[in-house]
Amino acid sequence: MQKENQIESKTRILLMVIGILLIGLCVSFLRIAGFGVDPFSGMNLAISGFIGWSFGNWQLVINIVLLIIVFFTVRHCIGLGTIINMVFVGYIADFICFLVNDVAQIHITMLLRIIALILGQFMASMGVALYMTADMGVAPYDAVAIIIEKATKGKIPFHIARVSSDITVVMIGVLFCIIGKNSVWSIVGIGTIINACCNGPMIQFFKEKVIKHLIRQK
């Protein structure tokens, strides 16, 4: 029984690590595609560009702030996955973009942008599905909707709170792009819409049809 529990624990850690790696790759691919990124990344890209910080450094700072709020409100949401997510996703995205743009200096054609968008969406859904299946903590931003639901005693349910928080961070991102005179469409575009519309159903598909089947087979 102890051996089975150890195997289960190792499997959860593996799922969590792969999931977070895919989420980091997703953000980098969406940035390379230039069709818009997920709301939280969009806000952080806009603010980091405005203040002259790297995306990874700014995302870490805002995640630490959110983590403090989560600690005092919904502490049960914090786990090993929370810490690894908040520290590594931004830096993974920065590193991949550095390799593509500065080291390899790949010329990004329209075809490559479309491929990057498709792969980015796939990685987003699969990554979150793996991360959720591992059940080792919630990313600080993902806990915001849970905090809102708790603070309003359920009057604002999770899905409404998540939509509201997503809209809020998108508006903040757009504002900083306008103030900094940077392109809004690189953070808010068709990629953002696809992410918002397809992520939920695709996450559910990967969780129910792919990941559970693989775990069962193992």
N, C-alpha and C. Protein backbone atom coordinates (compact mmCIF):
# COMPACT_ATOMS: atom_id res chain seq x y z
N MET A 1 0.84 -1.21 0.00
CA MET A 1 0.00 0.00 0.00
C MET A 1 0.87 1.26 0.00
N GLN A 2 1.96 1.21 0.82
CA GLN A 2 2.86 2.35 0.88
C GLN A 2 3.53 2.58 -0.46
N LYS A 3 3.90 1.47 -1.15
CA LYS A 3 4.53 1.57 -2.45
C LYS A 3 3.59 2.20 -3.47
N GLU A 4 2.29 1.81 -3.40
CA GLU A 4 1.29 2.38 -4.31
C GLU A 4 1.13 3.87 -4.08
N ASN A 5 1.15 4.28 -2.79
CA ASN A 5 1.02 5.70 -2.46
C ASN A 5 2.21 6.49 -2.98
N GLN A 6 3.43 5.89 -2.89
CA GLN A 6 4.62 6.55 -3.39
C GLN A 6 4.56 6.72 -4.90
N ILE A 7 4.06 5.68 -5.59
CA ILE A 7 3.91 5.76 -7.04
C ILE A 7 2.91 6.84 -7.40
N GLU A 8 1.81 6.90 -6.63
CA GLU A 8 0.79 7.92 -6.90
C GLU A 8 1.36 9.31 -6.68
N SER A 9 2.15 9.48 -5.63
CA SER A 9 2.75 10.77 -5.33
C SER A 9 3.73 11.18 -6.43
N LYS A 10 4.55 10.23 -6.89
CA LYS A 10 5.50 10.52 -7.95
C LYS A 10 4.78 10.87 -9.25
N THR A 11 3.67 10.20 -9.51
CA THR A 11 2.89 10.47 -10.72
C THR A 11 2.31 11.87 -10.67
N ARG A 12 1.79 12.27 -9.50
CA ARG A 12 1.22 13.61 -9.35
C ARG A 12 2.28 14.68 -9.56
N ILE A 13 3.47 14.47 -9.00
CA ILE A 13 4.56 15.43 -9.17
C ILE A 13 4.95 15.53 -10.64
N LEU A 14 5.02 14.38 -11.32
CA LEU A 14 5.37 14.37 -12.75
C LEU A 14 4.32 15.12 -13.56
N LEU A 15 3.04 14.87 -13.28
CA LEU A 15 1.96 15.57 -13.98
C LEU A 15 2.05 17.07 -13.76
N MET A 16 2.33 17.45 -12.52
CA MET A 16 2.42 18.87 -12.17
C MET A 16 3.57 19.55 -12.91
N VAL A 17 4.76 18.91 -12.92
CA VAL A 17 5.93 19.48 -13.57
C VAL A 17 5.72 19.62 -15.08
N ILE A 18 5.20 18.55 -15.71
CA ILE A 18 4.96 18.60 -17.16
C ILE A 18 3.91 19.65 -17.48
N GLY A 19 2.86 19.72 -16.64
CA GLY A 19 1.80 20.70 -16.85
C GLY A 19 2.32 22.12 -16.80
N ILE A 20 3.15 22.43 -15.81
CA ILE A 20 3.70 23.78 -15.67
C ILE A 20 4.66 24.10 -16.82
N LEU A 21 5.44 23.09 -17.25
CA LEU A 21 6.32 23.29 -18.40
C LEU A 21 5.51 23.63 -19.65
N LEU A 22 4.40 22.93 -19.86
CA LEU A 22 3.55 23.19 -21.02
C LEU A 22 2.90 24.57 -20.94
N ILE A 23 2.52 25.00 -19.73
CA ILE A 23 1.93 26.33 -19.57
C ILE A 23 2.96 27.41 -19.92
N GLY A 24 4.21 27.21 -19.48
CA GLY A 24 5.27 28.16 -19.83
C GLY A 24 5.52 28.20 -21.33
N LEU A 25 5.52 27.02 -21.96
CA LEU A 25 5.69 26.93 -23.41
C LEU A 25 4.53 27.60 -24.12
N CYS A 26 3.32 27.41 -23.57
CA CYS A 26 2.11 28.01 -24.15
C CYS A 26 2.25 29.53 -24.21
N VAL A 27 2.65 30.14 -23.09
CA VAL A 27 2.79 31.60 -23.04
C VAL A 27 3.82 32.07 -24.06
N SER A 28 4.95 31.34 -24.17
CA SER A 28 5.98 31.74 -25.13
C SER A 28 5.49 31.61 -26.56
N PHE A 29 4.77 30.54 -26.88
CA PHE A 29 4.26 30.34 -28.24
C PHE A 29 3.22 31.40 -28.60
N LEU A 30 2.37 31.76 -27.63
CA LEU A 30 1.37 32.79 -27.89
C LEU A 30 2.04 34.15 -28.09
N ARG A 31 3.11 34.40 -27.35
CA ARG A 31 3.86 35.65 -27.54
C ARG A 31 4.51 35.68 -28.92
N ILE A 32 5.08 34.54 -29.33
CA ILE A 32 5.72 34.46 -30.65
C ILE A 32 4.68 34.63 -31.76
N ALA A 33 3.49 34.03 -31.56
CA ALA A 33 2.43 34.13 -32.57
C ALA A 33 1.98 35.58 -32.76
N GLY A 34 1.93 36.35 -31.67
CA GLY A 34 1.55 37.76 -31.76
C GLY A 34 0.08 38.01 -32.05
N PHE A 35 -0.76 37.00 -31.72
CA PHE A 35 -2.20 37.14 -31.93
C PHE A 35 -2.95 37.40 -30.62
N GLY A 36 -2.21 37.66 -29.56
CA GLY A 36 -2.83 37.85 -28.26
C GLY A 36 -2.56 36.67 -27.35
N VAL A 37 -2.42 36.95 -26.04
CA VAL A 37 -2.14 35.90 -25.07
C VAL A 37 -3.29 35.81 -24.07
N ASP A 38 -3.15 34.91 -23.08
CA ASP A 38 -4.19 34.80 -22.06
C ASP A 38 -4.24 36.09 -21.24
N PRO A 39 -5.37 36.40 -20.60
CA PRO A 39 -5.55 37.69 -19.91
C PRO A 39 -4.46 38.03 -18.90
N PHE A 40 -4.11 37.10 -18.02
CA PHE A 40 -3.13 37.40 -16.97
C PHE A 40 -1.75 37.67 -17.56
N SER A 41 -1.33 36.85 -18.52
CA SER A 41 -0.05 37.08 -19.19
C SER A 41 -0.06 38.40 -19.95
N GLY A 42 -1.21 38.73 -20.55
CA GLY A 42 -1.34 39.98 -21.28
C GLY A 42 -1.11 41.19 -20.40
N MET A 43 -1.73 41.18 -19.22
CA MET A 43 -1.53 42.28 -18.29
C MET A 43 -0.07 42.39 -17.88
N ASN A 44 0.54 41.25 -17.57
CA ASN A 44 1.93 41.25 -17.12
C ASN A 44 2.91 41.66 -18.23
N LEU A 45 2.63 41.25 -19.47
CA LEU A 45 3.46 41.68 -20.59
C LEU A 45 3.37 43.19 -20.78
N ALA A 46 2.16 43.73 -20.67
CA ALA A 46 1.96 45.17 -20.86
C ALA A 46 2.66 45.98 -19.78
N ILE A 47 2.51 45.55 -18.52
CA ILE A 47 3.12 46.28 -17.42
C ILE A 47 4.64 46.14 -17.44
N SER A 48 5.15 44.92 -17.69
CA SER A 48 6.60 44.71 -17.72
C SER A 48 7.24 45.51 -18.86
N GLY A 49 6.54 45.59 -20.00
CA GLY A 49 7.04 46.39 -21.11
C GLY A 49 7.05 47.87 -20.77
N PHE A 50 6.05 48.31 -20.03
CA PHE A 50 5.94 49.73 -19.66
C PHE A 50 7.03 50.14 -18.68
N ILE A 51 7.34 49.27 -17.70
CA ILE A 51 8.33 49.64 -16.67
C ILE A 51 9.74 49.18 -17.04
N GLY A 52 9.87 48.43 -18.15
CA GLY A 52 11.20 48.03 -18.61
C GLY A 52 11.76 46.81 -17.91
N TRP A 53 10.87 45.98 -17.32
CA TRP A 53 11.31 44.73 -16.68
C TRP A 53 11.14 43.57 -17.64
N SER A 54 11.81 42.44 -17.33
CA SER A 54 11.53 41.22 -18.09
C SER A 54 10.17 40.70 -17.64
N PHE A 55 9.51 39.97 -18.53
CA PHE A 55 8.21 39.39 -18.22
C PHE A 55 8.30 38.48 -17.01
N GLY A 56 9.35 37.64 -16.96
CA GLY A 56 9.51 36.69 -15.85
C GLY A 56 9.65 37.37 -14.51
N ASN A 57 10.46 38.43 -14.45
CA ASN A 57 10.66 39.14 -13.18
C ASN A 57 9.37 39.79 -12.69
N TRP A 58 8.66 40.48 -13.61
CA TRP A 58 7.42 41.14 -13.19
C TRP A 58 6.36 40.12 -12.78
N GLN A 59 6.25 39.02 -13.54
CA GLN A 59 5.24 38.01 -13.22
C GLN A 59 5.51 37.41 -11.84
N LEU A 60 6.79 37.22 -11.51
CA LEU A 60 7.14 36.69 -10.19
C LEU A 60 6.71 37.66 -9.09
N VAL A 61 6.95 38.95 -9.30
CA VAL A 61 6.59 39.96 -8.30
C VAL A 61 5.08 39.99 -8.07
N ILE A 62 4.30 40.05 -9.15
CA ILE A 62 2.84 40.11 -8.99
C ILE A 62 2.29 38.82 -8.40
N ASN A 63 2.94 37.69 -8.71
CA ASN A 63 2.52 36.41 -8.13
C ASN A 63 2.79 36.36 -6.63
N ILE A 64 3.91 36.95 -6.20
CA ILE A 64 4.22 37.00 -4.77
C ILE A 64 3.17 37.83 -4.03
N VAL A 65 2.79 38.96 -4.63
CA VAL A 65 1.75 39.81 -4.03
C VAL A 65 0.43 39.02 -3.91
N LEU A 66 0.06 38.35 -4.99
CA LEU A 66 -1.17 37.56 -4.97
C LEU A 66 -1.08 36.41 -3.97
N LEU A 67 0.11 35.79 -3.88
CA LEU A 67 0.29 34.66 -2.96
C LEU A 67 0.07 35.10 -1.51
N ILE A 68 0.52 36.30 -1.18
CA ILE A 68 0.31 36.82 0.18
C ILE A 68 -1.18 36.96 0.47
N ILE A 69 -1.92 37.48 -0.53
CA ILE A 69 -3.38 37.62 -0.38
C ILE A 69 -4.03 36.25 -0.24
N VAL A 70 -3.59 35.31 -1.07
CA VAL A 70 -4.13 33.94 -1.01
C VAL A 70 -3.85 33.32 0.35
N PHE A 71 -2.66 33.54 0.88
CA PHE A 71 -2.26 32.96 2.18
C PHE A 71 -3.21 33.38 3.29
N PHE A 72 -3.66 34.63 3.24
CA PHE A 72 -4.52 35.14 4.31
C PHE A 72 -6.02 34.95 4.03
N THR A 73 -6.36 34.40 2.87
CA THR A 73 -7.79 34.25 2.54
C THR A 73 -8.19 32.80 2.24
N VAL A 74 -7.48 32.18 1.29
CA VAL A 74 -7.82 30.78 0.93
C VAL A 74 -6.55 29.95 0.96
N ARG A 75 -5.99 29.81 2.16
CA ARG A 75 -4.69 29.16 2.34
C ARG A 75 -4.66 27.73 1.80
N HIS A 76 -5.82 27.07 1.79
CA HIS A 76 -5.86 25.67 1.33
C HIS A 76 -5.54 25.53 -0.16
N CYS A 77 -5.56 26.63 -0.88
CA CYS A 77 -5.25 26.59 -2.31
C CYS A 77 -3.75 26.52 -2.60
N ILE A 78 -2.93 26.74 -1.57
CA ILE A 78 -1.48 26.77 -1.76
C ILE A 78 -0.89 25.37 -1.64
N GLY A 79 -0.02 25.03 -2.58
CA GLY A 79 0.68 23.75 -2.55
C GLY A 79 2.00 23.89 -3.29
N LEU A 80 2.70 22.77 -3.44
CA LEU A 80 3.97 22.79 -4.15
C LEU A 80 3.81 23.32 -5.58
N GLY A 81 2.71 22.92 -6.23
CA GLY A 81 2.44 23.37 -7.59
C GLY A 81 2.26 24.88 -7.68
N THR A 82 1.72 25.48 -6.62
CA THR A 82 1.53 26.93 -6.58
C THR A 82 2.88 27.65 -6.69
N ILE A 83 3.83 27.21 -5.88
CA ILE A 83 5.14 27.85 -5.84
C ILE A 83 5.88 27.66 -7.16
N ILE A 84 5.88 26.42 -7.66
CA ILE A 84 6.61 26.13 -8.91
C ILE A 84 5.99 26.91 -10.07
N ASN A 85 4.65 26.98 -10.10
CA ASN A 85 3.96 27.72 -11.15
C ASN A 85 4.34 29.19 -11.14
N MET A 86 4.25 29.81 -9.96
CA MET A 86 4.47 31.25 -9.87
C MET A 86 5.91 31.64 -10.16
N VAL A 87 6.86 30.74 -9.89
CA VAL A 87 8.27 31.06 -10.09
C VAL A 87 8.72 30.78 -11.52
N PHE A 88 8.28 29.65 -12.10
CA PHE A 88 8.90 29.18 -13.33
C PHE A 88 8.18 29.52 -14.63
N VAL A 89 6.86 29.69 -14.63
CA VAL A 89 6.14 29.90 -15.88
C VAL A 89 6.67 31.11 -16.65
N GLY A 90 6.82 32.23 -15.97
CA GLY A 90 7.30 33.45 -16.63
C GLY A 90 8.70 33.30 -17.20
N TYR A 91 9.57 32.64 -16.44
CA TYR A 91 10.96 32.48 -16.88
C TYR A 91 11.08 31.46 -18.02
N ILE A 92 10.24 30.43 -18.00
CA ILE A 92 10.21 29.48 -19.13
C ILE A 92 9.83 30.21 -20.41
N ALA A 93 8.78 31.05 -20.31
CA ALA A 93 8.32 31.82 -21.47
C ALA A 93 9.41 32.76 -21.98
N ASP A 94 10.08 33.47 -21.06
CA ASP A 94 11.17 34.37 -21.44
C ASP A 94 12.30 33.61 -22.13
N PHE A 95 12.65 32.44 -21.59
CA PHE A 95 13.77 31.66 -22.13
C PHE A 95 13.48 31.16 -23.54
N ILE A 96 12.27 30.65 -23.76
CA ILE A 96 11.91 30.15 -25.10
C ILE A 96 11.89 31.29 -26.11
N CYS A 97 11.34 32.43 -25.72
CA CYS A 97 11.32 33.59 -26.63
C CYS A 97 12.74 34.07 -26.93
N PHE A 98 13.61 34.01 -25.93
CA PHE A 98 15.02 34.38 -26.13
C PHE A 98 15.68 33.44 -27.14
N LEU A 99 15.44 32.13 -27.01
CA LEU A 99 16.02 31.16 -27.93
C LEU A 99 15.55 31.40 -29.36
N VAL A 100 14.25 31.63 -29.51
CA VAL A 100 13.66 31.79 -30.85
C VAL A 100 14.07 33.11 -31.49
N ASN A 101 13.97 34.20 -30.71
CA ASN A 101 14.18 35.53 -31.28
C ASN A 101 15.64 35.98 -31.32
N ASP A 102 16.40 35.64 -30.27
CA ASP A 102 17.76 36.16 -30.16
C ASP A 102 18.85 35.15 -30.54
N VAL A 103 18.67 33.90 -30.15
CA VAL A 103 19.69 32.89 -30.45
C VAL A 103 19.51 32.35 -31.86
N ALA A 104 18.35 31.75 -32.13
CA ALA A 104 18.10 31.17 -33.46
C ALA A 104 17.75 32.25 -34.49
N GLN A 105 17.22 33.38 -33.99
CA GLN A 105 16.79 34.49 -34.86
C GLN A 105 15.90 34.00 -36.01
N ILE A 106 14.89 33.23 -35.62
CA ILE A 106 13.98 32.65 -36.61
C ILE A 106 13.06 33.74 -37.16
N HIS A 107 12.94 33.79 -38.47
CA HIS A 107 12.02 34.75 -39.10
C HIS A 107 10.59 34.19 -38.99
N ILE A 108 9.77 34.88 -38.24
CA ILE A 108 8.42 34.38 -37.95
C ILE A 108 7.47 34.81 -39.07
N THR A 109 7.16 33.88 -39.95
CA THR A 109 6.22 34.14 -41.03
C THR A 109 4.79 33.99 -40.52
N MET A 110 3.82 34.35 -41.35
CA MET A 110 2.42 34.21 -40.97
C MET A 110 2.08 32.75 -40.69
N LEU A 111 2.62 31.83 -41.50
CA LEU A 111 2.36 30.40 -41.29
C LEU A 111 2.89 29.95 -39.93
N LEU A 112 4.11 30.38 -39.59
CA LEU A 112 4.68 30.01 -38.29
C LEU A 112 3.88 30.63 -37.14
N ARG A 113 3.37 31.82 -37.35
CA ARG A 113 2.54 32.46 -36.31
C ARG A 113 1.27 31.66 -36.06
N ILE A 114 0.65 31.18 -37.13
CA ILE A 114 -0.58 30.39 -37.01
C ILE A 114 -0.28 29.06 -36.32
N ILE A 115 0.83 28.42 -36.71
CA ILE A 115 1.22 27.16 -36.08
C ILE A 115 1.50 27.37 -34.59
N ALA A 116 2.20 28.47 -34.27
CA ALA A 116 2.51 28.78 -32.87
C ALA A 116 1.23 29.02 -32.08
N LEU A 117 0.24 29.67 -32.69
CA LEU A 117 -1.04 29.91 -32.02
C LEU A 117 -1.75 28.60 -31.71
N ILE A 118 -1.78 27.69 -32.69
CA ILE A 118 -2.45 26.40 -32.50
C ILE A 118 -1.74 25.57 -31.43
N LEU A 119 -0.41 25.51 -31.53
CA LEU A 119 0.37 24.75 -30.55
C LEU A 119 0.24 25.37 -29.16
N GLY A 120 0.22 26.70 -29.10
CA GLY A 120 0.08 27.39 -27.83
C GLY A 120 -1.23 27.06 -27.15
N GLN A 121 -2.33 27.03 -27.92
CA GLN A 121 -3.62 26.69 -27.35
C GLN A 121 -3.65 25.25 -26.87
N PHE A 122 -3.08 24.35 -27.67
CA PHE A 122 -3.00 22.94 -27.28
C PHE A 122 -2.23 22.79 -25.98
N MET A 123 -1.08 23.45 -25.88
CA MET A 123 -0.25 23.37 -24.68
C MET A 123 -0.95 23.97 -23.46
N ALA A 124 -1.70 25.05 -23.69
CA ALA A 124 -2.44 25.69 -22.59
C ALA A 124 -3.43 24.72 -21.98
N SER A 125 -4.24 24.08 -22.82
CA SER A 125 -5.28 23.18 -22.34
C SER A 125 -4.69 21.92 -21.71
N MET A 126 -3.73 21.31 -22.38
CA MET A 126 -3.09 20.10 -21.85
C MET A 126 -2.34 20.41 -20.56
N GLY A 127 -1.63 21.55 -20.54
CA GLY A 127 -0.87 21.93 -19.35
C GLY A 127 -1.76 22.14 -18.14
N VAL A 128 -2.85 22.87 -18.31
CA VAL A 128 -3.76 23.12 -17.20
C VAL A 128 -4.44 21.82 -16.76
N ALA A 129 -4.79 20.97 -17.71
CA ALA A 129 -5.42 19.68 -17.39
C ALA A 129 -4.49 18.82 -16.54
N LEU A 130 -3.21 18.76 -16.92
CA LEU A 130 -2.22 17.99 -16.15
C LEU A 130 -2.04 18.61 -14.76
N TYR A 131 -1.96 19.93 -14.73
CA TYR A 131 -1.74 20.67 -13.49
C TYR A 131 -2.92 20.46 -12.52
N MET A 132 -4.14 20.50 -13.06
CA MET A 132 -5.33 20.31 -12.23
C MET A 132 -5.45 18.87 -11.75
N THR A 133 -5.12 17.92 -12.62
CA THR A 133 -5.19 16.50 -12.26
C THR A 133 -4.21 16.19 -11.13
N ALA A 134 -3.04 16.83 -11.16
CA ALA A 134 -2.04 16.62 -10.11
C ALA A 134 -2.56 17.08 -8.75
N ASP A 135 -3.41 18.13 -8.74
CA ASP A 135 -4.04 18.63 -7.52
C ASP A 135 -3.00 18.93 -6.43
N MET A 136 -1.99 19.73 -6.80
CA MET A 136 -0.94 20.06 -5.84
C MET A 136 -0.84 21.57 -5.61
N GLY A 137 -1.99 22.23 -5.64
CA GLY A 137 -2.02 23.66 -5.40
C GLY A 137 -2.51 24.43 -6.61
N VAL A 138 -3.03 25.63 -6.35
CA VAL A 138 -3.60 26.48 -7.40
C VAL A 138 -2.68 27.67 -7.64
N ALA A 139 -2.49 28.03 -8.91
CA ALA A 139 -1.69 29.21 -9.23
C ALA A 139 -2.32 30.44 -8.57
N PRO A 140 -1.48 31.39 -8.09
CA PRO A 140 -2.02 32.56 -7.37
C PRO A 140 -3.16 33.27 -8.10
N TYR A 141 -3.00 33.51 -9.42
CA TYR A 141 -4.07 34.21 -10.14
C TYR A 141 -5.33 33.38 -10.22
N ASP A 142 -5.20 32.06 -10.36
CA ASP A 142 -6.37 31.20 -10.44
C ASP A 142 -7.17 31.22 -9.14
N ALA A 143 -6.50 31.57 -8.04
CA ALA A 143 -7.17 31.62 -6.74
C ALA A 143 -7.97 32.90 -6.55
N VAL A 144 -7.75 33.90 -7.41
CA VAL A 144 -8.44 35.19 -7.26
C VAL A 144 -9.96 35.00 -7.31
N ALA A 145 -10.44 34.21 -8.29
CA ALA A 145 -11.88 33.97 -8.41
C ALA A 145 -12.42 33.25 -7.18
N ILE A 146 -11.63 32.36 -6.61
CA ILE A 146 -12.04 31.64 -5.39
C ILE A 146 -12.17 32.63 -4.24
N ILE A 147 -11.23 33.58 -4.16
CA ILE A 147 -11.26 34.61 -3.11
C ILE A 147 -12.52 35.48 -3.25
N ILE A 148 -12.83 35.87 -4.49
CA ILE A 148 -14.01 36.70 -4.74
C ILE A 148 -15.28 35.95 -4.33
N GLU A 149 -15.35 34.69 -4.72
CA GLU A 149 -16.53 33.88 -4.36
C GLU A 149 -16.67 33.77 -2.85
N LYS A 150 -15.57 33.57 -2.16
CA LYS A 150 -15.60 33.45 -0.70
C LYS A 150 -15.97 34.78 -0.05
N ALA A 151 -15.38 35.88 -0.55
CA ALA A 151 -15.62 37.21 0.03
C ALA A 151 -17.08 37.64 -0.12
N THR A 152 -17.72 37.21 -1.22
CA THR A 152 -19.12 37.57 -1.46
C THR A 152 -20.08 36.51 -0.94
N LYS A 153 -19.52 35.51 -0.23
CA LYS A 153 -20.31 34.41 0.35
C LYS A 153 -21.16 33.71 -0.72
N GLY A 154 -20.56 33.55 -1.89
CA GLY A 154 -21.22 32.81 -2.96
C GLY A 154 -22.15 33.63 -3.82
N LYS A 155 -22.34 34.91 -3.49
CA LYS A 155 -23.23 35.75 -4.30
C LYS A 155 -22.66 35.95 -5.70
N ILE A 156 -21.31 35.96 -5.79
CA ILE A 156 -20.64 35.97 -7.10
C ILE A 156 -19.99 34.60 -7.26
N PRO A 157 -20.58 33.70 -8.03
CA PRO A 157 -20.02 32.35 -8.19
C PRO A 157 -18.68 32.36 -8.91
N PHE A 158 -17.98 31.25 -8.81
CA PHE A 158 -16.61 31.16 -9.34
C PHE A 158 -16.51 31.58 -10.81
N HIS A 159 -17.41 31.04 -11.67
CA HIS A 159 -17.28 31.31 -13.11
C HIS A 159 -17.48 32.79 -13.43
N ILE A 160 -18.40 33.45 -12.69
CA ILE A 160 -18.62 34.89 -12.89
C ILE A 160 -17.42 35.67 -12.38
N ALA A 161 -16.89 35.24 -11.24
CA ALA A 161 -15.72 35.90 -10.67
C ALA A 161 -14.52 35.78 -11.60
N ARG A 162 -14.37 34.60 -12.25
CA ARG A 162 -13.23 34.39 -13.14
C ARG A 162 -13.35 35.27 -14.39
N VAL A 163 -14.55 35.35 -14.95
CA VAL A 163 -14.76 36.21 -16.11
C VAL A 163 -14.48 37.66 -15.74
N SER A 164 -14.96 38.07 -14.58
CA SER A 164 -14.76 39.45 -14.12
C SER A 164 -13.28 39.77 -13.92
N SER A 165 -12.55 38.85 -13.31
CA SER A 165 -11.12 39.08 -13.08
C SER A 165 -10.36 39.09 -14.40
N ASP A 166 -10.76 38.23 -15.34
CA ASP A 166 -10.11 38.21 -16.65
C ASP A 166 -10.34 39.52 -17.40
N ILE A 167 -11.57 40.01 -17.37
CA ILE A 167 -11.89 41.28 -18.04
C ILE A 167 -11.09 42.42 -17.41
N THR A 168 -10.99 42.40 -16.08
CA THR A 168 -10.27 43.46 -15.36
C THR A 168 -8.80 43.50 -15.75
N VAL A 169 -8.14 42.31 -15.78
CA VAL A 169 -6.70 42.31 -16.11
C VAL A 169 -6.46 42.65 -17.58
N VAL A 170 -7.40 42.27 -18.45
CA VAL A 170 -7.29 42.65 -19.86
C VAL A 170 -7.36 44.17 -19.99
N MET A 171 -8.29 44.80 -19.28
CA MET A 171 -8.42 46.26 -19.33
C MET A 171 -7.17 46.95 -18.80
N ILE A 172 -6.59 46.38 -17.73
CA ILE A 172 -5.35 46.94 -17.18
C ILE A 172 -4.22 46.83 -18.21
N GLY A 173 -4.15 45.66 -18.87
CA GLY A 173 -3.14 45.44 -19.90
C GLY A 173 -3.28 46.42 -21.06
N VAL A 174 -4.50 46.62 -21.52
CA VAL A 174 -4.76 47.55 -22.62
C VAL A 174 -4.36 48.96 -22.20
N LEU A 175 -4.70 49.34 -20.97
CA LEU A 175 -4.38 50.69 -20.47
C LEU A 175 -2.87 50.94 -20.48
N PHE A 176 -2.09 49.95 -20.00
CA PHE A 176 -0.64 50.12 -19.97
C PHE A 176 -0.03 50.12 -21.37
N CYS A 177 -0.65 49.37 -22.29
CA CYS A 177 -0.19 49.40 -23.68
C CYS A 177 -0.40 50.79 -24.29
N ILE A 178 -1.56 51.37 -24.03
CA ILE A 178 -1.89 52.69 -24.57
C ILE A 178 -0.97 53.75 -23.97
N ILE A 179 -0.77 53.68 -22.64
CA ILE A 179 0.10 54.66 -21.97
C ILE A 179 1.53 54.55 -22.49
N GLY A 180 1.98 53.30 -22.68
CA GLY A 180 3.35 53.07 -23.14
C GLY A 180 3.50 53.15 -24.65
N LYS A 181 2.39 53.41 -25.35
CA LYS A 181 2.36 53.50 -26.81
C LYS A 181 2.89 52.21 -27.47
N ASN A 182 2.48 51.07 -26.90
CA ASN A 182 2.83 49.77 -27.45
C ASN A 182 1.61 49.15 -28.12
N SER A 183 1.84 48.15 -28.96
CA SER A 183 0.75 47.50 -29.67
C SER A 183 -0.17 46.73 -28.72
N VAL A 184 -1.46 47.05 -28.79
CA VAL A 184 -2.45 46.36 -27.95
C VAL A 184 -2.69 44.95 -28.49
N TRP A 185 -2.63 44.79 -29.82
CA TRP A 185 -3.02 43.52 -30.45
C TRP A 185 -2.06 42.38 -30.15
N SER A 186 -0.84 42.70 -29.70
CA SER A 186 0.10 41.63 -29.37
C SER A 186 -0.28 40.91 -28.08
N ILE A 187 -1.11 41.57 -27.24
CA ILE A 187 -1.53 40.93 -25.99
C ILE A 187 -3.02 40.61 -25.97
N VAL A 188 -3.80 41.37 -26.75
CA VAL A 188 -5.25 41.11 -26.81
C VAL A 188 -5.63 40.97 -28.28
N GLY A 189 -6.05 39.78 -28.67
CA GLY A 189 -6.40 39.54 -30.06
C GLY A 189 -7.15 38.23 -30.21
N ILE A 190 -7.07 37.65 -31.40
CA ILE A 190 -7.78 36.41 -31.68
C ILE A 190 -7.30 35.29 -30.77
N GLY A 191 -6.00 35.33 -30.39
CA GLY A 191 -5.46 34.31 -29.49
C GLY A 191 -6.12 34.38 -28.12
N THR A 192 -6.39 35.60 -27.65
CA THR A 192 -7.07 35.79 -26.37
C THR A 192 -8.49 35.23 -26.43
N ILE A 193 -9.19 35.51 -27.53
CA ILE A 193 -10.57 35.03 -27.71
C ILE A 193 -10.61 33.50 -27.79
N ILE A 194 -9.69 32.93 -28.58
CA ILE A 194 -9.63 31.46 -28.71
C ILE A 194 -9.34 30.83 -27.35
N ASN A 195 -8.41 31.44 -26.61
CA ASN A 195 -8.07 30.92 -25.29
C ASN A 195 -9.28 30.94 -24.36
N ALA A 196 -10.01 32.05 -24.39
CA ALA A 196 -11.18 32.20 -23.51
C ALA A 196 -12.30 31.23 -23.88
N CYS A 197 -12.51 31.02 -25.20
CA CYS A 197 -13.64 30.19 -25.65
C CYS A 197 -13.33 28.69 -25.65
N CYS A 198 -12.10 28.33 -25.94
CA CYS A 198 -11.76 26.91 -26.15
C CYS A 198 -11.08 26.25 -24.96
N ASN A 199 -10.49 27.04 -24.08
CA ASN A 199 -9.69 26.46 -23.01
C ASN A 199 -10.50 25.53 -22.11
N GLY A 200 -11.67 25.99 -21.69
CA GLY A 200 -12.51 25.19 -20.79
C GLY A 200 -12.86 23.83 -21.36
N PRO A 201 -13.51 23.79 -22.55
CA PRO A 201 -13.87 22.50 -23.15
C PRO A 201 -12.66 21.61 -23.43
N MET A 202 -11.54 22.20 -23.87
CA MET A 202 -10.35 21.40 -24.18
C MET A 202 -9.71 20.84 -22.91
N ILE A 203 -9.69 21.63 -21.85
CA ILE A 203 -9.17 21.14 -20.57
C ILE A 203 -9.99 19.94 -20.11
N GLN A 204 -11.32 20.07 -20.19
CA GLN A 204 -12.20 18.97 -19.78
C GLN A 204 -11.95 17.73 -20.63
N PHE A 205 -11.77 17.93 -21.93
CA PHE A 205 -11.51 16.79 -22.84
C PHE A 205 -10.22 16.07 -22.46
N PHE A 206 -9.15 16.84 -22.27
CA PHE A 206 -7.87 16.22 -21.93
C PHE A 206 -7.93 15.51 -20.57
N LYS A 207 -8.65 16.10 -19.62
CA LYS A 207 -8.76 15.48 -18.30
C LYS A 207 -9.52 14.16 -18.36
N GLU A 208 -10.64 14.17 -19.07
CA GLU A 208 -11.53 13.01 -19.08
C GLU A 208 -11.12 11.94 -20.09
N LYS A 209 -10.66 12.34 -21.25
CA LYS A 209 -10.42 11.39 -22.35
C LYS A 209 -8.96 10.96 -22.50
N VAL A 210 -8.03 11.79 -22.04
CA VAL A 210 -6.62 11.49 -22.30
C VAL A 210 -5.87 11.15 -21.01
N ILE A 211 -5.85 12.10 -20.06
CA ILE A 211 -5.00 11.92 -18.88
C ILE A 211 -5.50 10.79 -18.01
N LYS A 212 -6.80 10.72 -17.73
CA LYS A 212 -7.32 9.64 -16.90
C LYS A 212 -7.09 8.28 -17.54
N HIS A 213 -7.19 8.22 -18.86
CA HIS A 213 -6.95 6.97 -19.57
C HIS A 213 -5.48 6.55 -19.43
N LEU A 214 -4.56 7.51 -19.56
CA LEU A 214 -3.14 7.20 -19.44
C LEU A 214 -2.80 6.73 -18.03
N ILE A 215 -3.37 7.40 -17.02
CA ILE A 215 -3.12 7.02 -15.63
C ILE A 215 -3.68 5.63 -15.36
N ARG A 216 -4.87 5.35 -15.89
CA ARG A 216 -5.50 4.05 -15.71
C ARG A 216 -4.66 2.95 -16.34
N GLN A 217 -4.13 3.25 -17.53
CA GLN A 217 -3.29 2.27 -18.22
C GLN A 217 -2.02 1.97 -17.44
N LYS A 218 -1.47 3.03 -16.82
CA LYS A 218 -0.25 2.86 -16.04
C LYS A 218 -0.53 2.01 -14.82
